[in-house]
Amino acid sequence: MTEPTTNPEINPTTNPYSELSFWRFGILAAMVMAFFPWSLLVHGLLRGFGDTKLLIAALLKDYIQTLLAMLTLGLVLLIAVVVAIYQLWPTIVGFFTGLF
């Protein structure tokens, strides 16, 4: 039995695009989205469609992570607003009844 290696040329299960730094992947994702259909076509022709498949997988993973982070933040903010309104409700009612 052989040990798994970290070399992406030997071990095809690693995605080299997932191992890029935050800024490099951000620039790459921005360029792919800016020139969307043509960038993937050129990437497929120059680097191969197997490598393009890895790029698309990394982009989808990043998109899903971003979407989950936004949903989590939105849920936390919604809960915070509901708790704040619940805690401050007597003050809010007193303020508006004092106006009339």
PDB file of N, CA and C in Angstrom:
ATOM      1  N   MET A   1       0.844  -1.181   0.000  1.00  0.00           N
ATOM      2  CA  MET A   1       0.000   0.000   0.000  1.00  0.00           C
ATOM      3  C   MET A   1       0.885   1.239   0.000  1.00  0.00           C
ATOM      4  N   THR A   2       0.550   2.215  -0.821  1.00  0.00           N
ATOM      5  CA  THR A   2       1.373   3.419  -0.925  1.00  0.00           C
ATOM      6  C   THR A   2       0.759   4.551  -0.126  1.00  0.00           C
ATOM      7  N   GLU A   3       1.625   5.453   0.301  1.00  0.00           N
ATOM      8  CA  GLU A   3       1.190   6.625   1.048  1.00  0.00           C
ATOM      9  C   GLU A   3       0.678   7.692   0.082  1.00  0.00           C
ATOM     10  N   PRO A   4      -0.372   8.438   0.454  1.00  0.00           N
ATOM     11  CA  PRO A   4      -0.833   9.526  -0.418  1.00  0.00           C
ATOM     12  C   PRO A   4       0.193  10.651  -0.437  1.00  0.00           C
ATOM     13  N   THR A   5       0.361  11.259  -1.576  1.00  0.00           N
ATOM     14  CA  THR A   5       1.309  12.351  -1.716  1.00  0.00           C
ATOM     15  C   THR A   5       0.569  13.663  -1.840  1.00  0.00           C
ATOM     16  N   THR A   6       1.309  14.755  -1.659  1.00  0.00           N
ATOM     17  CA  THR A   6       0.703  16.077  -1.784  1.00  0.00           C
ATOM     18  C   THR A   6       1.013  16.712  -3.128  1.00  0.00           C
ATOM     19  N   ASN A   7       1.735  16.017  -3.986  1.00  0.00           N
ATOM     20  CA  ASN A   7       2.048  16.547  -5.304  1.00  0.00           C
ATOM     21  C   ASN A   7       0.810  16.424  -6.189  1.00  0.00           C
ATOM     22  N   PRO A   8       0.280  17.548  -6.713  1.00  0.00           N
ATOM     23  CA  PRO A   8      -0.954  17.459  -7.511  1.00  0.00           C
ATOM     24  C   PRO A   8      -0.765  16.708  -8.824  1.00  0.00           C
ATOM     25  N   GLU A   9       0.480  16.601  -9.312  1.00  0.00           N
ATOM     26  CA  GLU A   9       0.700  15.855 -10.543  1.00  0.00           C
ATOM     27  C   GLU A   9       0.588  14.355 -10.311  1.00  0.00           C
ATOM     28  N   ILE A  10       0.921  13.915  -9.096  1.00  0.00           N
ATOM     29  CA  ILE A  10       0.849  12.490  -8.773  1.00  0.00           C
ATOM     30  C   ILE A  10      -0.511  12.143  -8.185  1.00  0.00           C
ATOM     31  N   ASN A  11      -1.020  12.990  -7.294  1.00  0.00           N
ATOM     32  CA  ASN A  11      -2.284  12.740  -6.610  1.00  0.00           C
ATOM     33  C   ASN A  11      -3.380  13.592  -7.269  1.00  0.00           C
ATOM     34  N   PRO A  12      -4.247  13.007  -8.082  1.00  0.00           N
ATOM     35  CA  PRO A  12      -5.247  13.816  -8.790  1.00  0.00           C
ATOM     36  C   PRO A  12      -6.416  14.275  -7.917  1.00  0.00           C
ATOM     37  N   THR A  13      -6.449  13.893  -6.641  1.00  0.00           N
ATOM     38  CA  THR A  13      -7.582  14.277  -5.803  1.00  0.00           C
ATOM     39  C   THR A  13      -7.435  15.688  -5.246  1.00  0.00           C
ATOM     40  N   THR A  14      -6.248  16.289  -5.306  1.00  0.00           N
ATOM     41  CA  THR A  14      -6.081  17.646  -4.795  1.00  0.00           C
ATOM     42  C   THR A  14      -6.422  18.646  -5.888  1.00  0.00           C
ATOM     43  N   ASN A  15      -7.037  19.736  -5.488  1.00  0.00           N
ATOM     44  CA  ASN A  15      -7.411  20.789  -6.418  1.00  0.00           C
ATOM     45  C   ASN A  15      -6.438  21.951  -6.222  1.00  0.00           C
ATOM     46  N   PRO A  16      -5.587  22.237  -7.208  1.00  0.00           N
ATOM     47  CA  PRO A  16      -4.605  23.317  -7.022  1.00  0.00           C
ATOM     48  C   PRO A  16      -5.255  24.689  -6.886  1.00  0.00           C
ATOM     49  N   TYR A  17      -6.455  24.868  -7.385  1.00  0.00           N
ATOM     50  CA  TYR A  17      -7.130  26.156  -7.275  1.00  0.00           C
ATOM     51  C   TYR A  17      -7.682  26.386  -5.877  1.00  0.00           C
ATOM     52  N   SER A  18      -7.959  25.326  -5.141  1.00  0.00           N
ATOM     53  CA  SER A  18      -8.427  25.469  -3.761  1.00  0.00           C
ATOM     54  C   SER A  18      -7.292  25.839  -2.822  1.00  0.00           C
ATOM     55  N   GLU A  19      -6.053  25.627  -3.269  1.00  0.00           N
ATOM     56  CA  GLU A  19      -4.900  25.907  -2.419  1.00  0.00           C
ATOM     57  C   GLU A  19      -4.295  27.282  -2.683  1.00  0.00           C
ATOM     58  N   LEU A  20      -4.898  28.079  -3.571  1.00  0.00           N
ATOM     59  CA  LEU A  20      -4.401  29.421  -3.838  1.00  0.00           C
ATOM     60  C   LEU A  20      -4.676  30.328  -2.647  1.00  0.00           C
ATOM     61  N   SER A  21      -3.885  31.393  -2.530  1.00  0.00           N
ATOM     62  CA  SER A  21      -4.116  32.357  -1.457  1.00  0.00           C
ATOM     63  C   SER A  21      -5.410  33.121  -1.722  1.00  0.00           C
ATOM     64  N   PHE A  22      -5.872  33.820  -0.717  1.00  0.00           N
ATOM     65  CA  PHE A  22      -7.133  34.556  -0.809  1.00  0.00           C
ATOM     66  C   PHE A  22      -7.107  35.551  -1.961  1.00  0.00           C
ATOM     67  N   TRP A  23      -6.045  36.343  -2.056  1.00  0.00           N
ATOM     68  CA  TRP A  23      -5.972  37.385  -3.074  1.00  0.00           C
ATOM     69  C   TRP A  23      -5.821  36.811  -4.474  1.00  0.00           C
ATOM     70  N   ARG A  24      -4.985  35.785  -4.622  1.00  0.00           N
ATOM     71  CA  ARG A  24      -4.798  35.188  -5.947  1.00  0.00           C
ATOM     72  C   ARG A  24      -6.089  34.554  -6.455  1.00  0.00           C
ATOM     73  N   PHE A  25      -6.774  33.830  -5.577  1.00  0.00           N
ATOM     74  CA  PHE A  25      -8.028  33.219  -6.000  1.00  0.00           C
ATOM     75  C   PHE A  25      -9.094  34.277  -6.256  1.00  0.00           C
ATOM     76  N   GLY A  26      -9.089  35.340  -5.464  1.00  0.00           N
ATOM     77  CA  GLY A  26     -10.051  36.418  -5.683  1.00  0.00           C
ATOM     78  C   GLY A  26      -9.849  37.099  -7.029  1.00  0.00           C
ATOM     79  N   ILE A  27      -8.595  37.330  -7.391  1.00  0.00           N
ATOM     80  CA  ILE A  27      -8.302  37.939  -8.689  1.00  0.00           C
ATOM     81  C   ILE A  27      -8.679  36.979  -9.812  1.00  0.00           C
ATOM     82  N   LEU A  28      -8.342  35.692  -9.636  1.00  0.00           N
ATOM     83  CA  LEU A  28      -8.694  34.696 -10.644  1.00  0.00           C
ATOM     84  C   LEU A  28     -10.212  34.601 -10.823  1.00  0.00           C
ATOM     85  N   ALA A  29     -10.948  34.564  -9.717  1.00  0.00           N
ATOM     86  CA  ALA A  29     -12.408  34.477  -9.796  1.00  0.00           C
ATOM     87  C   ALA A  29     -13.003  35.725 -10.446  1.00  0.00           C
ATOM     88  N   ALA A  30     -12.445  36.894 -10.133  1.00  0.00           N
ATOM     89  CA  ALA A  30     -12.939  38.124 -10.742  1.00  0.00           C
ATOM     90  C   ALA A  30     -12.695  38.129 -12.252  1.00  0.00           C
ATOM     91  N   MET A  31     -11.534  37.654 -12.668  1.00  0.00           N
ATOM     92  CA  MET A  31     -11.235  37.617 -14.101  1.00  0.00           C
ATOM     93  C   MET A  31     -12.123  36.605 -14.825  1.00  0.00           C
ATOM     94  N   VAL A  32     -12.365  35.459 -14.199  1.00  0.00           N
ATOM     95  CA  VAL A  32     -13.237  34.460 -14.827  1.00  0.00           C
ATOM     96  C   VAL A  32     -14.651  35.014 -14.963  1.00  0.00           C
ATOM     97  N   MET A  33     -15.149  35.691 -13.933  1.00  0.00           N
ATOM     98  CA  MET A  33     -16.498  36.228 -13.993  1.00  0.00           C
ATOM     99  C   MET A  33     -16.596  37.424 -14.933  1.00  0.00           C
ATOM    100  N   ALA A  34     -15.540  38.218 -15.037  1.00  0.00           N
ATOM    101  CA  ALA A  34     -15.571  39.390 -15.912  1.00  0.00           C
ATOM    102  C   ALA A  34     -15.649  38.985 -17.388  1.00  0.00           C
ATOM    103  N   PHE A  35     -14.945  37.922 -17.739  1.00  0.00           N
ATOM    104  CA  PHE A  35     -14.925  37.448 -19.124  1.00  0.00           C
ATOM    105  C   PHE A  35     -15.538  36.063 -19.193  1.00  0.00           C
ATOM    106  N   PHE A  36     -16.714  35.894 -18.588  1.00  0.00           N
ATOM    107  CA  PHE A  36     -17.254  34.578 -18.237  1.00  0.00           C
ATOM    108  C   PHE A  36     -17.224  33.508 -19.327  1.00  0.00           C
ATOM    109  N   PRO A  37     -17.952  33.585 -20.378  1.00  0.00           N
ATOM    110  CA  PRO A  37     -17.939  32.384 -21.221  1.00  0.00           C
ATOM    111  C   PRO A  37     -16.606  32.195 -21.927  1.00  0.00           C
ATOM    112  N   TRP A  38     -15.964  33.315 -22.283  1.00  0.00           N
ATOM    113  CA  TRP A  38     -14.732  33.207 -23.063  1.00  0.00           C
ATOM    114  C   TRP A  38     -13.563  32.756 -22.210  1.00  0.00           C
ATOM    115  N   SER A  39     -13.528  33.152 -20.946  1.00  0.00           N
ATOM    116  CA  SER A  39     -12.408  32.770 -20.093  1.00  0.00           C
ATOM    117  C   SER A  39     -12.366  31.262 -19.873  1.00  0.00           C
ATOM    118  N   LEU A  40     -13.530  30.643 -19.681  1.00  0.00           N
ATOM    119  CA  LEU A  40     -13.544  29.191 -19.490  1.00  0.00           C
ATOM    120  C   LEU A  40     -13.213  28.459 -20.780  1.00  0.00           C
ATOM    121  N   LEU A  41     -13.649  28.983 -21.903  1.00  0.00           N
ATOM    122  CA  LEU A  41     -13.337  28.362 -23.186  1.00  0.00           C
ATOM    123  C   LEU A  41     -11.838  28.428 -23.465  1.00  0.00           C
ATOM    124  N   VAL A  42     -11.244  29.594 -23.266  1.00  0.00           N
ATOM    125  CA  VAL A  42      -9.803  29.736 -23.488  1.00  0.00           C
ATOM    126  C   VAL A  42      -9.021  28.896 -22.489  1.00  0.00           C
ATOM    127  N   HIS A  43      -9.461  28.879 -21.240  1.00  0.00           N
ATOM    128  CA  HIS A  43      -8.795  28.063 -20.223  1.00  0.00           C
ATOM    129  C   HIS A  43      -8.876  26.589 -20.596  1.00  0.00           C
ATOM    130  N   GLY A  44     -10.010  26.161 -21.094  1.00  0.00           N
ATOM    131  CA  GLY A  44     -10.159  24.767 -21.501  1.00  0.00           C
ATOM    132  C   GLY A  44      -9.270  24.407 -22.675  1.00  0.00           C
ATOM    133  N   LEU A  45      -9.134  25.319 -23.620  1.00  0.00           N
ATOM    134  CA  LEU A  45      -8.292  25.049 -24.783  1.00  0.00           C
ATOM    135  C   LEU A  45      -6.803  25.078 -24.440  1.00  0.00           C
ATOM    136  N   LEU A  46      -6.401  25.993 -23.559  1.00  0.00           N
ATOM    137  CA  LEU A  46      -4.983  26.131 -23.238  1.00  0.00           C
ATOM    138  C   LEU A  46      -4.508  25.175 -22.147  1.00  0.00           C
ATOM    139  N   ARG A  47      -5.305  24.978 -21.117  1.00  0.00           N
ATOM    140  CA  ARG A  47      -4.877  24.168 -19.972  1.00  0.00           C
ATOM    141  C   ARG A  47      -5.527  22.790 -19.940  1.00  0.00           C
ATOM    142  N   GLY A  48      -6.505  22.565 -20.753  1.00  0.00           N
ATOM    143  CA  GLY A  48      -7.191  21.278 -20.765  1.00  0.00           C
ATOM    144  C   GLY A  48      -8.510  21.365 -20.023  1.00  0.00           C
ATOM    145  N   PHE A  49      -9.445  20.528 -20.452  1.00  0.00           N
ATOM    146  CA  PHE A  49     -10.776  20.596 -19.850  1.00  0.00           C
ATOM    147  C   PHE A  49     -10.835  19.939 -18.482  1.00  0.00           C
ATOM    148  N   GLY A  50      -9.890  19.055 -18.177  1.00  0.00           N
ATOM    149  CA  GLY A  50      -9.816  18.497 -16.822  1.00  0.00           C
ATOM    150  C   GLY A  50      -9.427  19.558 -15.816  1.00  0.00           C
ATOM    151  N   ASP A  51      -8.468  20.425 -16.192  1.00  0.00           N
ATOM    152  CA  ASP A  51      -8.061  21.524 -15.324  1.00  0.00           C
ATOM    153  C   ASP A  51      -9.175  22.561 -15.200  1.00  0.00           C
ATOM    154  N   THR A  52      -9.907  22.777 -16.269  1.00  0.00           N
ATOM    155  CA  THR A  52     -11.037  23.708 -16.231  1.00  0.00           C
ATOM    156  C   THR A  52     -12.125  23.191 -15.298  1.00  0.00           C
ATOM    157  N   LYS A  53     -12.314  21.889 -15.272  1.00  0.00           N
ATOM    158  CA  LYS A  53     -13.289  21.292 -14.361  1.00  0.00           C
ATOM    159  C   LYS A  53     -12.884  21.563 -12.910  1.00  0.00           C
ATOM    160  N   LEU A  54     -11.585  21.483 -12.605  1.00  0.00           N
ATOM    161  CA  LEU A  54     -11.106  21.788 -11.255  1.00  0.00           C
ATOM    162  C   LEU A  54     -11.331  23.258 -10.911  1.00  0.00           C
ATOM    163  N   LEU A  55     -11.128  24.142 -11.893  1.00  0.00           N
ATOM    164  CA  LEU A  55     -11.366  25.569 -11.672  1.00  0.00           C
ATOM    165  C   LEU A  55     -12.833  25.834 -11.375  1.00  0.00           C
ATOM    166  N   ILE A  56     -13.723  25.231 -12.136  1.00  0.00           N
ATOM    167  CA  ILE A  56     -15.161  25.423 -11.915  1.00  0.00           C
ATOM    168  C   ILE A  56     -15.568  24.873 -10.554  1.00  0.00           C
ATOM    169  N   ALA A  57     -15.001  23.736 -10.161  1.00  0.00           N
ATOM    170  CA  ALA A  57     -15.311  23.165  -8.842  1.00  0.00           C
ATOM    171  C   ALA A  57     -14.862  24.103  -7.724  1.00  0.00           C
ATOM    172  N   ALA A  58     -13.686  24.705  -7.869  1.00  0.00           N
ATOM    173  CA  ALA A  58     -13.200  25.643  -6.852  1.00  0.00           C
ATOM    174  C   ALA A  58     -14.065  26.897  -6.805  1.00  0.00           C
ATOM    175  N   LEU A  59     -14.496  27.382  -7.976  1.00  0.00           N
ATOM    176  CA  LEU A  59     -15.360  28.557  -8.011  1.00  0.00           C
ATOM    177  C   LEU A  59     -16.719  28.278  -7.379  1.00  0.00           C
ATOM    178  N   LEU A  60     -17.283  27.109  -7.644  1.00  0.00           N
ATOM    179  CA  LEU A  60     -18.572  26.749  -7.041  1.00  0.00           C
ATOM    180  C   LEU A  60     -18.454  26.584  -5.528  1.00  0.00           C
ATOM    181  N   LYS A  61     -17.368  25.984  -5.075  1.00  0.00           N
ATOM    182  CA  LYS A  61     -17.147  25.828  -3.635  1.00  0.00           C
ATOM    183  C   LYS A  61     -17.052  27.195  -2.969  1.00  0.00           C
ATOM    184  N   ASP A  62     -16.320  28.121  -3.590  1.00  0.00           N
ATOM    185  CA  ASP A  62     -16.190  29.469  -3.043  1.00  0.00           C
ATOM    186  C   ASP A  62     -17.533  30.188  -3.031  1.00  0.00           C
ATOM    187  N   TYR A  63     -18.324  30.016  -4.095  1.00  0.00           N
ATOM    188  CA  TYR A  63     -19.640  30.645  -4.169  1.00  0.00           C
ATOM    189  C   TYR A  63     -20.564  30.120  -3.067  1.00  0.00           C
ATOM    190  N   ILE A  64     -20.554  28.816  -2.856  1.00  0.00           N
ATOM    191  CA  ILE A  64     -21.413  28.223  -1.821  1.00  0.00           C
ATOM    192  C   ILE A  64     -20.974  28.678  -0.440  1.00  0.00           C
ATOM    193  N   GLN A  65     -19.655  28.746  -0.192  1.00  0.00           N
ATOM    194  CA  GLN A  65     -19.169  29.224   1.097  1.00  0.00           C
ATOM    195  C   GLN A  65     -19.571  30.678   1.335  1.00  0.00           C
ATOM    196  N   THR A  66     -19.474  31.499   0.308  1.00  0.00           N
ATOM    197  CA  THR A  66     -19.859  32.898   0.434  1.00  0.00           C
ATOM    198  C   THR A  66     -21.355  33.024   0.699  1.00  0.00           C
ATOM    199  N   LEU A  67     -22.165  32.245  -0.009  1.00  0.00           N
ATOM    200  CA  LEU A  67     -23.610  32.277   0.190  1.00  0.00           C
ATOM    201  C   LEU A  67     -23.979  31.840   1.610  1.00  0.00           C
ATOM    202  N   LEU A  68     -23.355  30.794   2.108  1.00  0.00           N
ATOM    203  CA  LEU A  68     -23.633  30.337   3.474  1.00  0.00           C
ATOM    204  C   LEU A  68     -23.200  31.371   4.504  1.00  0.00           C
ATOM    205  N   ALA A  69     -22.077  32.037   4.269  1.00  0.00           N
ATOM    206  CA  ALA A  69     -21.628  33.072   5.193  1.00  0.00           C
ATOM    207  C   ALA A  69     -22.606  34.242   5.209  1.00  0.00           C
ATOM    208  N   MET A  70     -23.104  34.625   4.037  1.00  0.00           N
ATOM    209  CA  MET A  70     -24.069  35.726   3.969  1.00  0.00           C
ATOM    210  C   MET A  70     -25.389  35.352   4.638  1.00  0.00           C
ATOM    211  N   LEU A  71     -25.851  34.126   4.429  1.00  0.00           N
ATOM    212  CA  LEU A  71     -27.088  33.682   5.079  1.00  0.00           C
ATOM    213  C   LEU A  71     -26.932  33.626   6.589  1.00  0.00           C
ATOM    214  N   THR A  72     -25.780  33.159   7.058  1.00  0.00           N
ATOM    215  CA  THR A  72     -25.527  33.098   8.496  1.00  0.00           C
ATOM    216  C   THR A  72     -25.492  34.497   9.098  1.00  0.00           C
ATOM    217  N   LEU A  73     -24.811  35.415   8.442  1.00  0.00           N
ATOM    218  CA  LEU A  73     -24.753  36.788   8.933  1.00  0.00           C
ATOM    219  C   LEU A  73     -26.132  37.433   8.928  1.00  0.00           C
ATOM    220  N   GLY A  74     -26.906  37.192   7.878  1.00  0.00           N
ATOM    221  CA  GLY A  74     -28.263  37.734   7.823  1.00  0.00           C
ATOM    222  C   GLY A  74     -29.143  37.187   8.931  1.00  0.00           C
ATOM    223  N   LEU A  75     -29.020  35.902   9.216  1.00  0.00           N
ATOM    224  CA  LEU A  75     -29.799  35.300  10.294  1.00  0.00           C
ATOM    225  C   LEU A  75     -29.399  35.866  11.654  1.00  0.00           C
ATOM    226  N   VAL A  76     -28.117  36.046  11.882  1.00  0.00           N
ATOM    227  CA  VAL A  76     -27.647  36.618  13.146  1.00  0.00           C
ATOM    228  C   VAL A  76     -28.153  38.055  13.297  1.00  0.00           C
ATOM    229  N   LEU A  77     -28.102  38.834  12.224  1.00  0.00           N
ATOM    230  CA  LEU A  77     -28.606  40.212  12.288  1.00  0.00           C
ATOM    231  C   LEU A  77     -30.113  40.250  12.519  1.00  0.00           C
ATOM    232  N   LEU A  78     -30.855  39.353  11.879  1.00  0.00           N
ATOM    233  CA  LEU A  78     -32.296  39.300  12.081  1.00  0.00           C
ATOM    234  C   LEU A  78     -32.634  38.947  13.526  1.00  0.00           C
ATOM    235  N   ILE A  79     -31.930  37.979  14.084  1.00  0.00           N
ATOM    236  CA  ILE A  79     -32.161  37.603  15.480  1.00  0.00           C
ATOM    237  C   ILE A  79     -31.814  38.765  16.406  1.00  0.00           C
ATOM    238  N   ALA A  80     -30.725  39.480  16.114  1.00  0.00           N
ATOM    239  CA  ALA A  80     -30.335  40.620  16.949  1.00  0.00           C
ATOM    240  C   ALA A  80     -31.387  41.724  16.898  1.00  0.00           C
ATOM    241  N   VAL A  81     -31.950  41.986  15.730  1.00  0.00           N
ATOM    242  CA  VAL A  81     -32.979  43.022  15.606  1.00  0.00           C
ATOM    243  C   VAL A  81     -34.244  42.613  16.350  1.00  0.00           C
ATOM    244  N   VAL A  82     -34.645  41.354  16.223  1.00  0.00           N
ATOM    245  CA  VAL A  82     -35.851  40.885  16.918  1.00  0.00           C
ATOM    246  C   VAL A  82     -35.655  40.955  18.425  1.00  0.00           C
ATOM    247  N   VAL A  83     -34.490  40.549  18.917  1.00  0.00           N
ATOM    248  CA  VAL A  83     -34.226  40.612  20.360  1.00  0.00           C
ATOM    249  C   VAL A  83     -34.197  42.061  20.831  1.00  0.00           C
ATOM    250  N   ALA A  84     -33.590  42.954  20.048  1.00  0.00           N
ATOM    251  CA  ALA A  84     -33.536  44.369  20.439  1.00  0.00           C
ATOM    252  C   ALA A  84     -34.928  44.978  20.476  1.00  0.00           C
ATOM    253  N   ILE A  85     -35.761  44.679  19.504  1.00  0.00           N
ATOM    254  CA  ILE A  85     -37.135  45.212  19.499  1.00  0.00           C
ATOM    255  C   ILE A  85     -37.915  44.644  20.675  1.00  0.00           C
ATOM    256  N   TYR A  86     -37.742  43.366  20.969  1.00  0.00           N
ATOM    257  CA  TYR A  86     -38.444  42.748  22.089  1.00  0.00           C
ATOM    258  C   TYR A  86     -38.022  43.397  23.405  1.00  0.00           C
ATOM    259  N   GLN A  87     -36.735  43.665  23.555  1.00  0.00           N
ATOM    260  CA  GLN A  87     -36.234  44.254  24.799  1.00  0.00           C
ATOM    261  C   GLN A  87     -36.644  45.726  24.932  1.00  0.00           C
ATOM    262  N   LEU A  88     -36.683  46.425  23.815  1.00  0.00           N
ATOM    263  CA  LEU A  88     -36.960  47.864  23.849  1.00  0.00           C
ATOM    264  C   LEU A  88     -38.415  48.208  23.558  1.00  0.00           C
ATOM    265  N   TRP A  89     -39.300  47.224  23.427  1.00  0.00           N
ATOM    266  CA  TRP A  89     -40.677  47.489  23.053  1.00  0.00           C
ATOM    267  C   TRP A  89     -41.397  48.445  24.012  1.00  0.00           C
ATOM    268  N   PRO A  90     -41.272  48.279  25.332  1.00  0.00           N
ATOM    269  CA  PRO A  90     -41.960  49.242  26.223  1.00  0.00           C
ATOM    270  C   PRO A  90     -41.449  50.675  26.027  1.00  0.00           C
ATOM    271  N   THR A  91     -40.186  50.841  25.766  1.00  0.00           N
ATOM    272  CA  THR A  91     -39.638  52.182  25.535  1.00  0.00           C
ATOM    273  C   THR A  91     -40.160  52.757  24.228  1.00  0.00           C
ATOM    274  N   ILE A  92     -40.242  51.931  23.199  1.00  0.00           N
ATOM    275  CA  ILE A  92     -40.738  52.384  21.895  1.00  0.00           C
ATOM    276  C   ILE A  92     -42.200  52.812  22.000  1.00  0.00           C
ATOM    277  N   VAL A  93     -43.020  51.988  22.656  1.00  0.00           N
ATOM    278  CA  VAL A  93     -44.444  52.303  22.818  1.00  0.00           C
ATOM    279  C   VAL A  93     -44.608  53.566  23.654  1.00  0.00           C
ATOM    280  N   GLY A  94     -43.835  53.685  24.734  1.00  0.00           N
ATOM    281  CA  GLY A  94     -43.913  54.872  25.586  1.00  0.00           C
ATOM    282  C   GLY A  94     -43.520  56.128  24.843  1.00  0.00           C
ATOM    283  N   PHE A  95     -42.550  56.038  23.980  1.00  0.00           N
ATOM    284  CA  PHE A  95     -42.106  57.210  23.205  1.00  0.00           C
ATOM    285  C   PHE A  95     -43.208  57.672  22.248  1.00  0.00           C
ATOM    286  N   PHE A  96     -43.818  56.722  21.531  1.00  0.00           N
ATOM    287  CA  PHE A  96     -44.835  57.102  20.549  1.00  0.00           C
ATOM    288  C   PHE A  96     -46.149  57.518  21.210  1.00  0.00           C
ATOM    289  N   THR A  97     -46.498  56.927  22.345  1.00  0.00           N
ATOM    290  CA  THR A  97     -47.710  57.366  23.038  1.00  0.00           C
ATOM    291  C   THR A  97     -47.500  58.730  23.676  1.00  0.00           C
ATOM    292  N   GLY A  98     -46.281  59.059  24.036  1.00  0.00           N
ATOM    293  CA  GLY A  98     -45.975  60.383  24.595  1.00  0.00           C
ATOM    294  C   GLY A  98     -46.046  61.477  23.556  1.00  0.00           C
ATOM    295  N   LEU A  99     -45.927  61.143  22.296  1.00  0.00           N
ATOM    296  CA  LEU A  99     -46.005  62.139  21.241  1.00  0.00           C
ATOM    297  C   LEU A  99     -47.425  62.636  21.034  1.00  0.00           C
ATOM    298  N   PHE A 100     -48.394  61.793  21.323  1.00  0.00           N
ATOM    299  CA  PHE A 100     -49.796  62.163  21.068  1.00  0.00           C
ATOM    300  C   PHE A 100     -50.405  62.568  22.347  1.00  0.00           C
TER     301      PHE A 100
END
